[in-house]
Amino acid sequence: MTPAGLRQLQDLRRSLLHPPRQLRPQHTSEPATHSTQTVTATA
């Protein structure tokens, strides 16, 4: 296997074992001030 192929396998393995963290953490302690909206779509 070529070095480039091994590198891709290592990157894939690393991304599966250690997924990236969320950019915006969800805060559960905040009061729910946002109104819930229903989204509909027709095809």
N, C-alpha and C. Protein backbone atom coordinates (compact mmCIF):
# COMPACT_ATOMS: atom_id res chain seq x y z
N MET A 1 0.84 -1.18 0.00
CA MET A 1 0.00 0.00 0.00
C MET A 1 0.89 1.24 0.00
N THR A 2 0.45 2.26 -0.70
CA THR A 2 1.26 3.48 -0.81
C THR A 2 1.20 4.30 0.47
N PRO A 3 2.19 5.15 0.70
CA PRO A 3 2.15 6.01 1.89
C PRO A 3 0.91 6.90 1.95
N ALA A 4 0.45 7.36 0.79
CA ALA A 4 -0.76 8.20 0.77
C ALA A 4 -1.98 7.39 1.19
N GLY A 5 -2.06 6.15 0.77
CA GLY A 5 -3.18 5.29 1.16
C GLY A 5 -3.16 4.98 2.65
N LEU A 6 -1.96 4.74 3.19
CA LEU A 6 -1.85 4.49 4.63
C LEU A 6 -2.25 5.73 5.43
N ARG A 7 -1.86 6.89 4.93
CA ARG A 7 -2.21 8.13 5.61
C ARG A 7 -3.73 8.33 5.63
N GLN A 8 -4.40 8.03 4.53
CA GLN A 8 -5.85 8.17 4.47
C GLN A 8 -6.52 7.20 5.43
N LEU A 9 -6.00 5.97 5.51
CA LEU A 9 -6.57 5.01 6.45
C LEU A 9 -6.39 5.47 7.89
N GLN A 10 -5.22 6.02 8.21
CA GLN A 10 -4.99 6.52 9.56
C GLN A 10 -5.92 7.68 9.88
N ASP A 11 -6.11 8.58 8.94
CA ASP A 11 -7.00 9.72 9.16
C ASP A 11 -8.44 9.26 9.35
N LEU A 12 -8.87 8.28 8.56
CA LEU A 12 -10.22 7.75 8.69
C LEU A 12 -10.41 7.07 10.04
N ARG A 13 -9.43 6.27 10.43
CA ARG A 13 -9.50 5.58 11.71
C ARG A 13 -9.57 6.58 12.86
N ARG A 14 -8.74 7.62 12.78
CA ARG A 14 -8.72 8.64 13.82
C ARG A 14 -10.05 9.39 13.88
N SER A 15 -10.63 9.70 12.73
CA SER A 15 -11.89 10.45 12.73
C SER A 15 -13.05 9.60 13.24
N LEU A 16 -12.97 8.29 13.05
CA LEU A 16 -14.03 7.42 13.56
C LEU A 16 -13.90 7.19 15.06
N LEU A 17 -12.68 7.07 15.55
CA LEU A 17 -12.47 6.82 16.97
C LEU A 17 -12.60 8.09 17.80
N HIS A 18 -12.21 9.24 17.24
CA HIS A 18 -12.27 10.50 17.95
C HIS A 18 -13.00 11.52 17.09
N PRO A 19 -14.34 11.50 17.08
CA PRO A 19 -15.07 12.46 16.24
C PRO A 19 -14.85 13.89 16.74
N PRO A 20 -14.95 14.85 15.86
CA PRO A 20 -14.73 16.25 16.26
C PRO A 20 -15.78 16.71 17.26
N ARG A 21 -15.38 17.61 18.13
CA ARG A 21 -16.31 18.13 19.13
C ARG A 21 -17.26 19.13 18.48
N GLN A 22 -18.40 19.34 19.14
CA GLN A 22 -19.37 20.31 18.63
C GLN A 22 -18.79 21.71 18.78
N LEU A 23 -19.05 22.54 17.78
CA LEU A 23 -18.56 23.90 17.82
C LEU A 23 -19.32 24.72 18.87
N ARG A 24 -20.63 24.51 18.93
CA ARG A 24 -21.44 25.21 19.92
C ARG A 24 -22.00 24.19 20.89
N PRO A 25 -21.51 24.15 22.12
CA PRO A 25 -22.05 23.19 23.08
C PRO A 25 -23.49 23.55 23.42
N GLN A 26 -24.32 22.53 23.59
CA GLN A 26 -25.72 22.75 23.91
C GLN A 26 -25.85 22.92 25.42
N HIS A 27 -26.42 24.04 25.83
CA HIS A 27 -26.59 24.31 27.26
C HIS A 27 -28.00 23.88 27.66
N THR A 28 -28.07 22.96 28.58
CA THR A 28 -29.38 22.47 29.02
C THR A 28 -29.92 23.29 30.17
N SER A 29 -29.08 24.13 30.78
CA SER A 29 -29.52 24.92 31.93
C SER A 29 -30.21 26.22 31.51
N GLU A 30 -30.15 26.56 30.23
CA GLU A 30 -30.79 27.80 29.78
C GLU A 30 -32.30 27.62 29.71
N PRO A 31 -33.06 28.66 30.05
CA PRO A 31 -34.51 28.55 29.94
C PRO A 31 -34.95 28.46 28.48
N ALA A 32 -36.02 27.75 28.24
CA ALA A 32 -36.51 27.56 26.87
C ALA A 32 -37.30 28.79 26.45
N THR A 33 -36.64 29.74 25.81
CA THR A 33 -37.32 30.97 25.39
C THR A 33 -37.65 30.95 23.91
N HIS A 34 -37.11 29.98 23.20
CA HIS A 34 -37.35 29.90 21.76
C HIS A 34 -38.67 29.18 21.50
N SER A 35 -39.46 29.74 20.59
CA SER A 35 -40.73 29.09 20.26
C SER A 35 -40.47 27.96 19.26
N THR A 36 -41.26 26.93 19.38
CA THR A 36 -41.12 25.77 18.49
C THR A 36 -41.93 26.03 17.23
N GLN A 37 -41.30 25.84 16.09
CA GLN A 37 -41.96 26.05 14.81
C GLN A 37 -42.03 24.71 14.08
N THR A 38 -43.15 24.49 13.40
CA THR A 38 -43.31 23.28 12.61
C THR A 38 -42.88 23.57 11.18
N VAL A 39 -42.01 22.74 10.66
CA VAL A 39 -41.52 22.90 9.30
C VAL A 39 -42.14 21.81 8.45
N THR A 40 -42.75 22.22 7.35
CA THR A 40 -43.35 21.24 6.45
C THR A 40 -42.76 21.43 5.06
N ALA A 41 -42.71 20.34 4.31
CA ALA A 41 -42.19 20.40 2.94
C ALA A 41 -43.04 19.50 2.07
N THR A 42 -43.30 19.98 0.87
CA THR A 42 -44.05 19.17 -0.09
C THR A 42 -43.20 19.00 -1.34
N ALA A 43 -43.30 17.82 -1.91
CA ALA A 43 -42.51 17.56 -3.10
C ALA A 43 -43.40 17.55 -4.33
